[in-house]
Amino acid sequence: MTPKLPALLAYQLSLTPPPAPPGSFDEAMAARGEELFNGKAECATCHVPPLFSEPGHGLHTAEEMGIDDFQSSRSPAQGYRTAPLAGLWTHMDGGFYHDGRFATLEEVIGHYNVLFQLGLTREEIADLVEYLKSL
């Protein structure tokens, strides 16, 4: 099975996610959020457009993610993968991260805002949320 995994990953990344439904996000806020995503918020460092995922098999340690290693230490990969964000609007329920520890996108962004000392304002976080909903 393992030799087939690279081909499966390539196939998964080749799938085009459905576009966000009209009216499901604020377009002006999303435009500002896109600038933040690629700039000040540094999201595009790991969630690289146009796939909004990390090239290759980028894994991060729990320390890099600012969370515990409860899940990553039990996986064969021994790390956390960068979640693809394209089509994020299709799975907004149930929480975010591998274990649903963050109930909202605001909480996810707030976590990284503190961890990486980004200095994002509430308005900037709201703009980023709208951008993520647009992907």
Protein backbone atom coordinates (compact mmCIF):
# COMPACT_ATOMS: atom_id res chain seq x y z
CA MET A 1 0.00 0.00 0.00
CA THR A 2 2.73 2.49 0.95
CA PRO A 3 4.22 2.72 -2.57
CA LYS A 4 0.80 3.81 -3.85
CA LEU A 5 0.44 6.74 -1.43
CA PRO A 6 2.33 9.34 -3.52
CA ALA A 7 0.00 8.70 -6.47
CA LEU A 8 -3.02 8.97 -4.17
CA LEU A 9 -1.76 12.30 -2.81
CA ALA A 10 -1.18 13.61 -6.34
CA TYR A 11 -4.73 12.60 -7.26
CA GLN A 12 -6.21 14.25 -4.15
CA LEU A 13 -4.36 17.48 -4.84
CA SER A 14 -5.49 17.45 -8.47
CA LEU A 15 -9.16 17.58 -7.51
CA THR A 16 -10.75 20.99 -7.93
CA PRO A 17 -12.82 21.97 -4.90
CA PRO A 18 -16.26 23.42 -5.56
CA PRO A 19 -16.42 27.21 -5.46
CA ALA A 20 -17.92 28.87 -2.42
CA PRO A 21 -21.62 29.60 -2.92
CA PRO A 22 -22.51 33.17 -3.91
CA GLY A 23 -23.26 35.27 -0.86
CA SER A 24 -21.56 32.89 1.58
CA PHE A 25 -18.78 35.35 2.35
CA ASP A 26 -18.19 39.09 2.30
CA GLU A 27 -16.24 39.86 -0.89
CA ALA A 28 -14.70 43.13 0.30
CA MET A 29 -13.50 41.56 3.55
CA ALA A 30 -12.22 38.51 1.64
CA ALA A 31 -10.16 40.76 -0.65
CA ARG A 32 -8.52 42.37 2.39
CA GLY A 33 -8.10 38.91 3.92
CA GLU A 34 -6.28 37.67 0.83
CA GLU A 35 -3.70 40.44 1.24
CA LEU A 36 -3.25 39.47 4.89
CA PHE A 37 -3.04 35.76 4.04
CA ASN A 38 -0.18 36.40 1.63
CA GLY A 39 1.45 39.10 3.75
CA LYS A 40 1.22 40.05 7.41
CA ALA A 41 -0.52 36.85 8.59
CA GLU A 42 2.10 34.66 6.83
CA CYS A 43 -0.50 31.94 6.10
CA ALA A 44 0.84 31.38 2.57
CA THR A 45 4.16 30.31 4.06
CA CYS A 46 2.67 26.85 4.68
CA HIS A 47 -0.73 27.01 2.91
CA VAL A 48 0.83 27.78 -0.46
CA PRO A 49 -1.55 28.95 -3.21
CA PRO A 50 -3.01 27.72 -5.50
CA LEU A 51 -3.44 24.42 -3.64
CA PHE A 52 -3.37 26.14 -0.25
CA SER A 53 -1.38 23.24 1.13
CA GLU A 54 2.30 22.61 1.71
CA PRO A 55 4.25 21.19 -1.22
CA GLY A 56 5.46 17.66 -0.63
CA HIS A 57 4.77 16.02 2.68
CA GLY A 58 5.42 18.97 4.98
CA LEU A 59 5.06 17.83 8.56
CA HIS A 60 5.36 20.03 11.59
CA THR A 61 6.22 19.18 15.17
CA ALA A 62 3.76 19.83 17.95
CA GLU A 63 6.09 22.55 19.18
CA GLU A 64 5.98 24.31 15.81
CA MET A 65 2.17 24.15 15.93
CA GLY A 66 1.93 25.33 19.52
CA ILE A 67 -0.07 22.28 20.59
CA ASP A 68 0.47 18.95 22.32
CA ASP A 69 1.84 15.89 20.54
CA PHE A 70 -0.94 13.53 21.67
CA GLN A 71 -1.98 12.69 18.10
CA SER A 72 1.29 13.20 16.24
CA SER A 73 3.32 10.98 18.54
CA ARG A 74 0.94 8.12 17.78
CA SER A 75 1.02 8.43 14.01
CA PRO A 76 3.57 6.75 11.74
CA ALA A 77 4.55 10.15 10.35
CA GLN A 78 5.33 11.61 13.79
CA GLY A 79 4.09 15.07 12.88
CA TYR A 80 1.18 17.25 11.86
CA ARG A 81 0.53 17.86 8.17
CA THR A 82 -0.45 21.22 6.76
CA ALA A 83 -4.17 20.99 6.10
CA PRO A 84 -5.26 21.98 2.59
CA LEU A 85 -7.55 25.00 2.73
CA ALA A 86 -9.10 24.95 -0.75
CA GLY A 87 -12.79 24.15 -0.34
CA LEU A 88 -12.63 24.85 3.38
CA TRP A 89 -16.20 26.18 3.22
CA THR A 90 -17.41 22.59 2.64
CA HIS A 91 -16.39 21.46 6.13
CA MET A 92 -17.04 24.27 8.56
CA ASP A 93 -18.81 22.10 11.16
CA GLY A 94 -17.19 19.95 13.80
CA GLY A 95 -14.23 22.10 14.66
CA PHE A 96 -10.82 22.61 13.15
CA TYR A 97 -7.45 20.90 13.50
CA HIS A 98 -6.93 17.16 13.63
CA ASP A 99 -9.05 16.84 16.76
CA GLY A 100 -11.55 19.70 16.44
CA ARG A 101 -9.93 21.61 19.30
CA PHE A 102 -10.75 24.97 17.71
CA ALA A 103 -14.49 25.49 17.25
CA THR A 104 -14.18 28.41 14.82
CA LEU A 105 -11.81 29.84 12.25
CA GLU A 106 -11.44 32.86 14.54
CA GLU A 107 -10.02 30.54 17.20
CA VAL A 108 -7.56 28.97 14.74
CA ILE A 109 -6.35 32.37 13.55
CA GLY A 110 -6.22 33.64 17.14
CA HIS A 111 -4.01 30.69 18.08
CA TYR A 112 -1.52 31.49 15.33
CA ASN A 113 -1.77 35.21 16.05
CA VAL A 114 -0.49 34.56 19.56
CA LEU A 115 1.93 31.73 18.67
CA PHE A 116 3.67 33.65 15.90
CA GLN A 117 3.14 37.12 17.42
CA LEU A 118 1.53 38.38 14.21
CA GLY A 119 -0.18 41.40 15.75
CA LEU A 120 -3.44 40.87 13.85
CA THR A 121 -6.35 43.05 14.91
CA ARG A 122 -9.92 41.79 15.35
CA GLU A 123 -10.82 43.37 12.03
CA GLU A 124 -7.91 41.65 10.29
CA ILE A 125 -8.90 38.30 11.79
CA ALA A 126 -12.46 38.84 10.54
CA ASP A 127 -11.09 39.64 7.06
CA LEU A 128 -8.98 36.47 7.08
CA VAL A 129 -12.02 34.40 8.07
CA GLU A 130 -13.96 35.76 5.09
CA TYR A 131 -11.06 34.96 2.78
CA LEU A 132 -10.82 31.42 4.08
CA LYS A 133 -14.56 30.98 3.55
CA SER A 134 -14.06 32.08 -0.06
CA LEU A 135 -11.45 29.44 -0.93
